[in-house]
Amino acid sequence: MKKTLLARRYSKALCEVVAENKLDQIREELTALGSLVRESHEFYNTLNNNTLELHVRQKLLDVVLDKLEPPKVLFSFFHLLLRHSRISLIGEIVDQFGRDADRRLGRIRGELFAPVEVPDEDMMRLQQRLGDFLGGDVILTQRQDNSLLGGFMVKIGDWLFDATLESELKNVRSRIGGQSEAGHG
């Protein structure tokens, strides 16, 4: 079974057992624990080493989790991943859980590309308008793109709204080109 499909299943299961008002907290804790597992190569390799007996790996996981004191649901979740040899999916699970939690909370995340930093007030207005249009709570992350001459682009999933100067110039060229061809016909 594909890693992505497995990660989706585990993420969905976790998302379903977490109360809606706890999703953001669990997301933060899961992200932190996931980073710890992935960034500590010795810890990661030991947890994924199936030549070691399961109870040895469980004890190691318990020592780390006892020190970090995650919510009980994450304690159980990491043990489930370990028992089913799925610790290696933690990066994909973390990413998918973020998307699942956002979907459950009616959030839509995207990116705003602009040549300069957009003031907070303008960002809030844009997010509100996009939220009204898309039917959700839009959260944009700003990305400064010095290759843009002016305007901005918003990317949400596969959807792209291009209000850049380059795009406008291309539209003007297209309209002028169409008019001159129509005049010569």
C-alpha atoms as a PDB file:
ATOM      1  CA  MET A   1       0.000   0.000   0.000  1.00  0.00           C
ATOM      2  CA  LYS A   2       1.310   3.438  -0.859  1.00  0.00           C
ATOM      3  CA  LYS A   3       2.861   5.519   1.912  1.00  0.00           C
ATOM      4  CA  THR A   4       0.585   8.473   1.135  1.00  0.00           C
ATOM      5  CA  LEU A   5      -2.564   6.375   1.412  1.00  0.00           C
ATOM      6  CA  LEU A   6      -1.417   4.865   4.701  1.00  0.00           C
ATOM      7  CA  ALA A   7      -0.516   8.299   6.077  1.00  0.00           C
ATOM      8  CA  ARG A   8      -3.996   9.551   5.127  1.00  0.00           C
ATOM      9  CA  ARG A   9      -5.650   6.659   6.955  1.00  0.00           C
ATOM     10  CA  TYR A  10      -3.666   7.175  10.141  1.00  0.00           C
ATOM     11  CA  SER A  11      -4.166  10.935  10.004  1.00  0.00           C
ATOM     12  CA  LYS A  12      -7.903  10.598   9.434  1.00  0.00           C
ATOM     13  CA  ALA A  13      -8.214   8.161  12.324  1.00  0.00           C
ATOM     14  CA  LEU A  14      -6.345  10.519  14.658  1.00  0.00           C
ATOM     15  CA  CYS A  15      -8.346  13.517  13.473  1.00  0.00           C
ATOM     16  CA  GLU A  16     -11.622  11.703  14.141  1.00  0.00           C
ATOM     17  CA  VAL A  17     -10.785  10.855  17.763  1.00  0.00           C
ATOM     18  CA  VAL A  18      -9.635  14.376  18.660  1.00  0.00           C
ATOM     19  CA  ALA A  19     -12.262  16.876  19.837  1.00  0.00           C
ATOM     20  CA  GLU A  20     -12.636  19.822  17.492  1.00  0.00           C
ATOM     21  CA  ASN A  21     -11.521  22.319  20.144  1.00  0.00           C
ATOM     22  CA  LYS A  22      -8.297  20.307  20.660  1.00  0.00           C
ATOM     23  CA  LEU A  23      -7.263  19.965  16.999  1.00  0.00           C
ATOM     24  CA  ASP A  24      -4.860  22.924  17.007  1.00  0.00           C
ATOM     25  CA  GLN A  25      -3.169  21.750  20.201  1.00  0.00           C
ATOM     26  CA  ILE A  26      -2.791  18.188  18.893  1.00  0.00           C
ATOM     27  CA  ARG A  27      -1.493  19.531  15.588  1.00  0.00           C
ATOM     28  CA  GLU A  28       1.247  21.495  17.378  1.00  0.00           C
ATOM     29  CA  GLU A  29       2.203  18.566  19.615  1.00  0.00           C
ATOM     30  CA  LEU A  30       2.160  16.092  16.720  1.00  0.00           C
ATOM     31  CA  THR A  31       4.335  18.418  14.652  1.00  0.00           C
ATOM     32  CA  ALA A  32       6.850  18.779  17.499  1.00  0.00           C
ATOM     33  CA  LEU A  33       6.969  15.036  18.198  1.00  0.00           C
ATOM     34  CA  GLY A  34       7.201  14.262  14.493  1.00  0.00           C
ATOM     35  CA  SER A  35      10.135  16.651  14.139  1.00  0.00           C
ATOM     36  CA  LEU A  36      11.877  15.071  17.115  1.00  0.00           C
ATOM     37  CA  VAL A  37      11.508  11.586  15.655  1.00  0.00           C
ATOM     38  CA  ARG A  38      12.657  12.593  12.170  1.00  0.00           C
ATOM     39  CA  GLU A  39      15.546  14.824  13.274  1.00  0.00           C
ATOM     40  CA  SER A  40      17.038  12.394  15.784  1.00  0.00           C
ATOM     41  CA  HIS A  41      18.456   9.801  13.411  1.00  0.00           C
ATOM     42  CA  GLU A  42      19.441   7.407  16.221  1.00  0.00           C
ATOM     43  CA  PHE A  43      15.975   7.554  17.768  1.00  0.00           C
ATOM     44  CA  TYR A  44      14.284   7.175  14.374  1.00  0.00           C
ATOM     45  CA  ASN A  45      16.497   4.262  13.334  1.00  0.00           C
ATOM     46  CA  THR A  46      16.036   2.484  16.665  1.00  0.00           C
ATOM     47  CA  LEU A  47      12.243   2.786  16.530  1.00  0.00           C
ATOM     48  CA  ASN A  48      12.256   1.453  12.957  1.00  0.00           C
ATOM     49  CA  ASN A  49      14.731  -1.350  13.678  1.00  0.00           C
ATOM     50  CA  ASN A  50      12.559  -4.478  13.501  1.00  0.00           C
ATOM     51  CA  THR A  51      15.497  -6.661  14.537  1.00  0.00           C
ATOM     52  CA  LEU A  52      15.047  -5.235  18.050  1.00  0.00           C
ATOM     53  CA  GLU A  53      12.174  -6.715  19.986  1.00  0.00           C
ATOM     54  CA  LEU A  54       9.048  -4.592  20.091  1.00  0.00           C
ATOM     55  CA  HIS A  55       9.039  -4.288  23.879  1.00  0.00           C
ATOM     56  CA  VAL A  56      12.573  -2.793  23.785  1.00  0.00           C
ATOM     57  CA  ARG A  57      11.489  -0.160  21.245  1.00  0.00           C
ATOM     58  CA  GLN A  58       8.308   0.508  23.244  1.00  0.00           C
ATOM     59  CA  LYS A  59      10.352   1.135  26.393  1.00  0.00           C
ATOM     60  CA  LEU A  60      12.552   3.614  24.531  1.00  0.00           C
ATOM     61  CA  LEU A  61       9.470   5.384  23.176  1.00  0.00           C
ATOM     62  CA  ASP A  62       7.958   5.453  26.678  1.00  0.00           C
ATOM     63  CA  VAL A  63      11.086   7.066  28.139  1.00  0.00           C
ATOM     64  CA  VAL A  64      10.999   9.858  25.564  1.00  0.00           C
ATOM     65  CA  LEU A  65       7.228  10.384  25.709  1.00  0.00           C
ATOM     66  CA  ASP A  66       7.195  10.346  29.528  1.00  0.00           C
ATOM     67  CA  LYS A  67       9.678  13.236  29.526  1.00  0.00           C
ATOM     68  CA  LEU A  68       7.712  15.223  26.922  1.00  0.00           C
ATOM     69  CA  GLU A  69       4.276  14.502  28.440  1.00  0.00           C
ATOM     70  CA  PRO A  70       2.193  14.659  25.251  1.00  0.00           C
ATOM     71  CA  PRO A  71      -1.603  14.345  25.431  1.00  0.00           C
ATOM     72  CA  LYS A  72      -2.720  10.761  26.018  1.00  0.00           C
ATOM     73  CA  VAL A  73      -4.109  10.454  22.492  1.00  0.00           C
ATOM     74  CA  LEU A  74      -0.640  11.125  21.018  1.00  0.00           C
ATOM     75  CA  PHE A  75       1.014   8.764  23.482  1.00  0.00           C
ATOM     76  CA  SER A  76      -1.339   6.019  22.272  1.00  0.00           C
ATOM     77  CA  PHE A  77      -1.019   7.084  18.638  1.00  0.00           C
ATOM     78  CA  PHE A  78       2.782   6.805  18.632  1.00  0.00           C
ATOM     79  CA  HIS A  79       2.540   3.366  20.223  1.00  0.00           C
ATOM     80  CA  LEU A  80       0.068   2.340  17.532  1.00  0.00           C
ATOM     81  CA  LEU A  81       2.485   3.532  14.834  1.00  0.00           C
ATOM     82  CA  LEU A  82       5.309   1.615  16.494  1.00  0.00           C
ATOM     83  CA  ARG A  83       3.297  -1.632  16.824  1.00  0.00           C
ATOM     84  CA  HIS A  84       2.333  -1.495  13.147  1.00  0.00           C
ATOM     85  CA  SER A  85       5.836  -0.481  11.944  1.00  0.00           C
ATOM     86  CA  ARG A  86       4.566   2.891  10.701  1.00  0.00           C
ATOM     87  CA  ILE A  87       6.899   5.318  12.496  1.00  0.00           C
ATOM     88  CA  SER A  88       8.567   5.917   9.123  1.00  0.00           C
ATOM     89  CA  LEU A  89       5.332   7.598   7.962  1.00  0.00           C
ATOM     90  CA  ILE A  90       5.427  10.300  10.627  1.00  0.00           C
ATOM     91  CA  GLY A  91       6.387  13.139   8.259  1.00  0.00           C
ATOM     92  CA  GLU A  92       3.539  12.357   5.866  1.00  0.00           C
ATOM     93  CA  ILE A  93       1.115  11.848   8.767  1.00  0.00           C
ATOM     94  CA  VAL A  94       2.012  15.244  10.279  1.00  0.00           C
ATOM     95  CA  ASP A  95       1.449  16.999   6.940  1.00  0.00           C
ATOM     96  CA  GLN A  96      -1.823  15.172   6.285  1.00  0.00           C
ATOM     97  CA  PHE A  97      -3.100  15.801   9.814  1.00  0.00           C
ATOM     98  CA  GLY A  98      -2.616  19.531   9.283  1.00  0.00           C
ATOM     99  CA  ARG A  99      -4.766  19.364   6.145  1.00  0.00           C
ATOM    100  CA  ASP A 100      -7.372  17.145   7.823  1.00  0.00           C
ATOM    101  CA  ALA A 101      -7.614  19.411  10.870  1.00  0.00           C
ATOM    102  CA  ASP A 102      -7.952  22.502   8.657  1.00  0.00           C
ATOM    103  CA  ARG A 103     -10.680  20.834   6.615  1.00  0.00           C
ATOM    104  CA  ARG A 104     -12.575  19.838   9.758  1.00  0.00           C
ATOM    105  CA  LEU A 105     -12.291  23.399  11.107  1.00  0.00           C
ATOM    106  CA  GLY A 106     -13.327  24.981   7.779  1.00  0.00           C
ATOM    107  CA  ARG A 107      -9.904  26.485   7.140  1.00  0.00           C
ATOM    108  CA  ILE A 108      -8.372  27.000   3.741  1.00  0.00           C
ATOM    109  CA  ARG A 109      -4.626  27.588   3.629  1.00  0.00           C
ATOM    110  CA  GLY A 110      -2.780  29.198   0.775  1.00  0.00           C
ATOM    111  CA  GLU A 111       0.146  31.356  -0.193  1.00  0.00           C
ATOM    112  CA  LEU A 112       0.328  34.976  -1.242  1.00  0.00           C
ATOM    113  CA  PHE A 113       3.217  35.885  -3.539  1.00  0.00           C
ATOM    114  CA  ALA A 114       4.107  39.569  -3.806  1.00  0.00           C
ATOM    115  CA  PRO A 115       7.251  41.590  -4.553  1.00  0.00           C
ATOM    116  CA  VAL A 116       7.014  43.367  -1.179  1.00  0.00           C
ATOM    117  CA  GLU A 117       5.555  42.505   2.207  1.00  0.00           C
ATOM    118  CA  VAL A 118       1.813  43.120   2.225  1.00  0.00           C
ATOM    119  CA  PRO A 119       0.607  45.077   5.290  1.00  0.00           C
ATOM    120  CA  ASP A 120      -1.406  43.078   7.850  1.00  0.00           C
ATOM    121  CA  GLU A 121      -4.540  45.152   7.272  1.00  0.00           C
ATOM    122  CA  ASP A 122      -4.481  44.398   3.524  1.00  0.00           C
ATOM    123  CA  MET A 123      -3.776  40.719   4.210  1.00  0.00           C
ATOM    124  CA  MET A 124      -6.774  40.520   6.522  1.00  0.00           C
ATOM    125  CA  ARG A 125      -9.037  42.151   3.913  1.00  0.00           C
ATOM    126  CA  LEU A 126      -7.798  39.805   1.189  1.00  0.00           C
ATOM    127  CA  GLN A 127      -8.246  36.744   3.415  1.00  0.00           C
ATOM    128  CA  GLN A 128     -11.783  37.887   4.277  1.00  0.00           C
ATOM    129  CA  ARG A 129     -12.729  38.406   0.612  1.00  0.00           C
ATOM    130  CA  LEU A 130     -11.256  35.077  -0.398  1.00  0.00           C
ATOM    131  CA  GLY A 131     -13.011  33.410   2.534  1.00  0.00           C
ATOM    132  CA  ASP A 132     -16.346  34.871   1.427  1.00  0.00           C
ATOM    133  CA  PHE A 133     -15.684  33.699  -2.142  1.00  0.00           C
ATOM    134  CA  LEU A 134     -14.430  30.211  -1.243  1.00  0.00           C
ATOM    135  CA  GLY A 135     -16.710  29.594   1.733  1.00  0.00           C
ATOM    136  CA  GLY A 136     -14.171  29.099   4.502  1.00  0.00           C
ATOM    137  CA  ASP A 137     -11.677  30.738   6.796  1.00  0.00           C
ATOM    138  CA  VAL A 138      -8.721  31.576   4.526  1.00  0.00           C
ATOM    139  CA  ILE A 139      -5.239  31.710   6.046  1.00  0.00           C
ATOM    140  CA  LEU A 140      -2.501  32.977   3.744  1.00  0.00           C
ATOM    141  CA  THR A 141       1.234  32.712   4.225  1.00  0.00           C
ATOM    142  CA  GLN A 142       3.202  35.512   2.606  1.00  0.00           C
ATOM    143  CA  ARG A 143       6.061  34.682   0.272  1.00  0.00           C
ATOM    144  CA  GLN A 144       8.130  37.542  -1.030  1.00  0.00           C
ATOM    145  CA  ASP A 145       8.865  37.055  -4.731  1.00  0.00           C
ATOM    146  CA  ASN A 146      11.333  39.603  -6.050  1.00  0.00           C
ATOM    147  CA  SER A 147      10.834  38.377  -9.615  1.00  0.00           C
ATOM    148  CA  LEU A 148       7.364  39.963  -9.656  1.00  0.00           C
ATOM    149  CA  LEU A 149       7.212  43.554 -10.873  1.00  0.00           C
ATOM    150  CA  GLY A 150       3.985  44.383  -9.071  1.00  0.00           C
ATOM    151  CA  GLY A 151       0.632  43.026  -7.968  1.00  0.00           C
ATOM    152  CA  PHE A 152       0.280  39.620  -6.344  1.00  0.00           C
ATOM    153  CA  MET A 153      -0.615  35.964  -6.833  1.00  0.00           C
ATOM    154  CA  VAL A 154      -2.603  33.730  -4.499  1.00  0.00           C
ATOM    155  CA  LYS A 155      -2.205  29.958  -4.662  1.00  0.00           C
ATOM    156  CA  ILE A 156      -4.645  27.749  -2.784  1.00  0.00           C
ATOM    157  CA  GLY A 157      -4.292  24.075  -3.655  1.00  0.00           C
ATOM    158  CA  ASP A 158      -4.529  23.838  -7.440  1.00  0.00           C
ATOM    159  CA  TRP A 159      -6.288  27.207  -7.718  1.00  0.00           C
ATOM    160  CA  LEU A 160      -4.217  30.234  -8.772  1.00  0.00           C
ATOM    161  CA  PHE A 161      -5.413  33.836  -8.775  1.00  0.00           C
ATOM    162  CA  ASP A 162      -2.935  35.925 -10.750  1.00  0.00           C
ATOM    163  CA  ALA A 163      -3.192  39.699 -10.281  1.00  0.00           C
ATOM    164  CA  THR A 164       0.423  40.422 -11.132  1.00  0.00           C
ATOM    165  CA  LEU A 165       1.594  43.233 -13.341  1.00  0.00           C
ATOM    166  CA  GLU A 166       3.034  40.632 -15.713  1.00  0.00           C
ATOM    167  CA  SER A 167      -0.369  38.997 -16.090  1.00  0.00           C
ATOM    168  CA  GLU A 168      -2.086  42.336 -16.708  1.00  0.00           C
ATOM    169  CA  LEU A 169       0.503  43.280 -19.348  1.00  0.00           C
ATOM    170  CA  LYS A 170      -0.030  39.939 -21.067  1.00  0.00           C
ATOM    171  CA  ASN A 171      -3.812  40.567 -21.116  1.00  0.00           C
ATOM    172  CA  VAL A 172      -3.323  44.047 -22.586  1.00  0.00           C
ATOM    173  CA  ARG A 173      -0.988  42.671 -25.281  1.00  0.00           C
ATOM    174  CA  SER A 174      -3.538  40.003 -26.107  1.00  0.00           C
ATOM    175  CA  ARG A 175      -6.374  42.555 -26.411  1.00  0.00           C
ATOM    176  CA  ILE A 176      -4.266  44.918 -28.532  1.00  0.00           C
ATOM    177  CA  GLY A 177      -3.143  42.033 -30.741  1.00  0.00           C
ATOM    178  CA  GLY A 178      -6.759  40.904 -31.195  1.00  0.00           C
ATOM    179  CA  GLN A 179      -7.927  44.414 -32.102  1.00  0.00           C
ATOM    180  CA  SER A 180      -5.191  44.953 -34.690  1.00  0.00           C
ATOM    181  CA  GLU A 181      -5.981  41.589 -36.328  1.00  0.00           C
ATOM    182  CA  ALA A 182      -9.701  42.430 -36.382  1.00  0.00           C
ATOM    183  CA  GLY A 183      -8.939  45.819 -37.992  1.00  0.00           C
ATOM    184  CA  HIS A 184      -6.929  44.230 -40.805  1.00  0.00           C
ATOM    185  CA  GLY A 185      -9.528  41.594 -41.665  1.00  0.00           C
END
